[in-house]
């Protein structure tokens, strides 16, 4: 069996609880591909003639409001379970979060790759600090209560 990678979309993830997000991700991972809307859209798009695909992709990437609608504003790209990490994953959205393999001491490298035309490096640095605080305080507490 060949492994394929597909993208899934979660609308307004900040308003969802951790168990709800876990369930959504589990569904993306375990559901038959035909049941996942984003996969059906990619397969339909892939069947279009090349010139039409290219034109639609250009429109989606270059018309401001449509860019966020079709490609999102944030991506999570993770393959640390395979023992690998990336310094710079590419995605059509302005921000990509990825992380590496967890070290024996429990630490892990987390990276925000971002489009400097969209945001400033200081904003990203503050976001990483906030992210660490959320993980070590709020999420750790939510996980402890969940168990």
Protein backbone atom coordinates (compact mmCIF):
# COMPACT_ATOMS: atom_id res chain seq x y z
CA UNK A 1 0.00 0.00 0.00
CA UNK A 2 1.38 3.40 -0.97
CA UNK A 3 1.07 6.26 1.52
CA UNK A 4 -0.27 9.57 0.21
CA UNK A 5 -0.45 12.99 1.83
CA UNK A 6 -3.60 15.11 1.63
CA UNK A 7 -4.60 18.34 3.32
CA UNK A 8 -7.60 18.91 5.54
CA UNK A 9 -9.19 22.16 6.65
CA UNK A 10 -10.41 23.06 10.14
CA UNK A 11 -12.61 26.14 10.24
CA UNK A 12 -12.03 28.41 13.25
CA UNK A 13 -9.78 26.02 15.22
CA UNK A 14 -9.20 28.58 18.02
CA UNK A 15 -12.82 28.19 19.13
CA UNK A 16 -12.59 24.39 19.45
CA UNK A 17 -11.57 22.29 22.44
CA UNK A 18 -8.56 20.01 22.35
CA UNK A 19 -10.69 16.80 22.34
CA UNK A 20 -12.71 18.21 19.43
CA UNK A 21 -9.54 18.99 17.46
CA UNK A 22 -8.18 15.51 18.18
CA UNK A 23 -11.41 13.99 16.86
CA UNK A 24 -11.26 16.09 13.68
CA UNK A 25 -7.64 15.07 13.07
CA UNK A 26 -8.50 11.42 13.78
CA UNK A 27 -11.27 11.60 11.18
CA UNK A 28 -8.86 13.06 8.62
CA UNK A 29 -6.47 10.21 9.35
CA UNK A 30 -8.92 7.30 9.44
CA UNK A 31 -11.94 8.17 7.27
CA UNK A 32 -12.20 6.80 3.74
CA UNK A 33 -10.81 9.41 1.34
CA UNK A 34 -14.15 9.72 -0.45
CA UNK A 35 -15.70 11.08 2.77
CA UNK A 36 -13.25 13.97 3.17
CA UNK A 37 -14.40 17.11 1.36
CA UNK A 38 -10.89 18.52 0.78
CA UNK A 39 -9.67 15.27 -0.79
CA UNK A 40 -12.68 15.13 -3.13
CA UNK A 41 -11.95 18.74 -4.14
CA UNK A 42 -8.28 17.97 -4.88
CA UNK A 43 -9.19 14.88 -6.93
CA UNK A 44 -11.80 16.86 -8.90
CA UNK A 45 -9.29 19.69 -9.46
CA UNK A 46 -6.68 17.16 -10.63
CA UNK A 47 -9.02 15.87 -13.35
CA UNK A 48 -9.33 19.31 -14.96
CA UNK A 49 -7.27 20.08 -18.08
CA UNK A 50 -3.83 21.52 -17.30
CA UNK A 51 -4.48 25.07 -18.63
CA UNK A 52 -7.67 25.36 -16.59
CA UNK A 53 -5.96 24.01 -13.43
CA UNK A 54 -3.12 26.47 -13.85
CA UNK A 55 -5.51 29.40 -14.42
CA UNK A 56 -7.63 28.52 -11.39
CA UNK A 57 -4.52 28.10 -9.24
CA UNK A 58 -3.24 31.52 -10.36
CA UNK A 59 -6.60 33.12 -9.53
CA UNK A 60 -6.73 31.44 -6.11
CA UNK A 61 -3.20 32.52 -5.26
CA UNK A 62 -3.40 36.08 -6.60
CA UNK A 63 -6.84 37.39 -5.71
CA UNK A 64 -6.45 38.52 -2.10
CA UNK A 65 -9.67 37.32 -0.50
CA UNK A 66 -9.72 34.08 -2.49
CA UNK A 67 -6.20 33.16 -1.40
CA UNK A 68 -7.31 32.72 2.22
CA UNK A 69 -10.57 31.03 1.17
CA UNK A 70 -8.87 28.38 -0.96
CA UNK A 71 -5.51 27.92 0.75
CA UNK A 72 -6.14 29.07 4.30
CA UNK A 73 -4.00 31.36 6.42
CA UNK A 74 -2.18 28.80 8.56
CA UNK A 75 -0.86 25.28 8.02
CA UNK A 76 0.49 22.59 10.27
CA UNK A 77 2.99 20.30 8.56
CA UNK A 78 4.24 17.41 10.65
CA UNK A 79 6.17 14.29 9.79
CA UNK A 80 8.13 13.87 13.02
CA UNK A 81 6.44 10.48 13.53
CA UNK A 82 8.59 9.32 10.61
CA UNK A 83 11.73 10.47 12.43
CA UNK A 84 12.22 13.54 10.24
CA UNK A 85 11.80 17.29 10.40
CA UNK A 86 11.96 20.14 7.94
CA UNK A 87 13.64 23.49 8.28
CA UNK A 88 11.39 25.12 5.67
CA UNK A 89 8.25 23.33 4.52
CA UNK A 90 6.53 25.06 1.63
CA UNK A 91 2.82 25.84 1.58
CA UNK A 92 0.59 28.31 -0.28
CA UNK A 93 -0.50 29.97 2.99
CA UNK A 94 1.45 32.70 4.83
CA UNK A 95 2.27 30.74 8.01
CA UNK A 96 3.36 27.12 8.47
CA UNK A 97 4.02 25.61 11.87
CA UNK A 98 6.08 22.46 12.03
CA UNK A 99 7.99 20.60 14.68
CA UNK A 100 10.72 18.03 14.87
CA UNK A 101 11.22 14.77 16.67
CA UNK A 102 10.81 14.85 20.45
CA UNK A 103 14.14 14.56 22.27
CA UNK A 104 14.62 12.14 25.21
CA UNK A 105 14.28 15.06 27.64
CA UNK A 106 10.83 15.91 26.19
CA UNK A 107 11.94 19.02 24.30
CA UNK A 108 11.04 19.56 20.68
CA UNK A 109 12.02 22.13 18.05
CA UNK A 110 9.01 24.17 16.91
CA UNK A 111 9.21 26.46 13.88
CA UNK A 112 6.95 29.06 12.33
CA UNK A 113 7.80 29.58 8.69
CA UNK A 114 6.16 32.75 7.50
CA UNK A 115 5.85 35.13 4.61
CA UNK A 116 7.66 38.31 5.61
CA UNK A 117 5.39 40.30 3.28
CA UNK A 118 2.47 39.40 5.55
CA UNK A 119 3.96 39.65 9.04
CA UNK A 120 6.97 40.91 10.93
CA UNK A 121 9.57 38.67 12.58
CA UNK A 122 8.86 40.25 15.97
CA UNK A 123 5.24 39.15 15.71
CA UNK A 124 6.40 35.60 14.99
CA UNK A 125 8.85 35.64 17.92
CA UNK A 126 6.10 36.79 20.30
CA UNK A 127 3.75 34.15 18.87
CA UNK A 128 6.33 31.42 19.55
CA UNK A 129 6.75 32.64 23.14
CA UNK A 130 2.98 32.68 23.60
CA UNK A 131 2.71 29.24 22.01
CA UNK A 132 5.26 27.81 24.45
CA UNK A 133 3.38 29.35 27.39
CA UNK A 134 0.06 27.95 26.15
CA UNK A 135 1.54 24.46 25.68
CA UNK A 136 3.25 24.34 29.06
CA UNK A 137 0.36 25.86 31.03
CA UNK A 138 -3.12 25.75 29.46
CA UNK A 139 -2.75 22.68 27.21
CA UNK A 140 -0.79 20.74 29.84
CA UNK A 141 -3.61 21.45 32.30
CA UNK A 142 -6.29 20.48 29.79
CA UNK A 143 -4.47 17.21 29.01
CA UNK A 144 -4.10 16.41 32.72
CA UNK A 145 -7.85 16.97 33.26
CA UNK A 146 -8.70 14.93 30.14
CA UNK A 147 -6.92 11.80 31.36
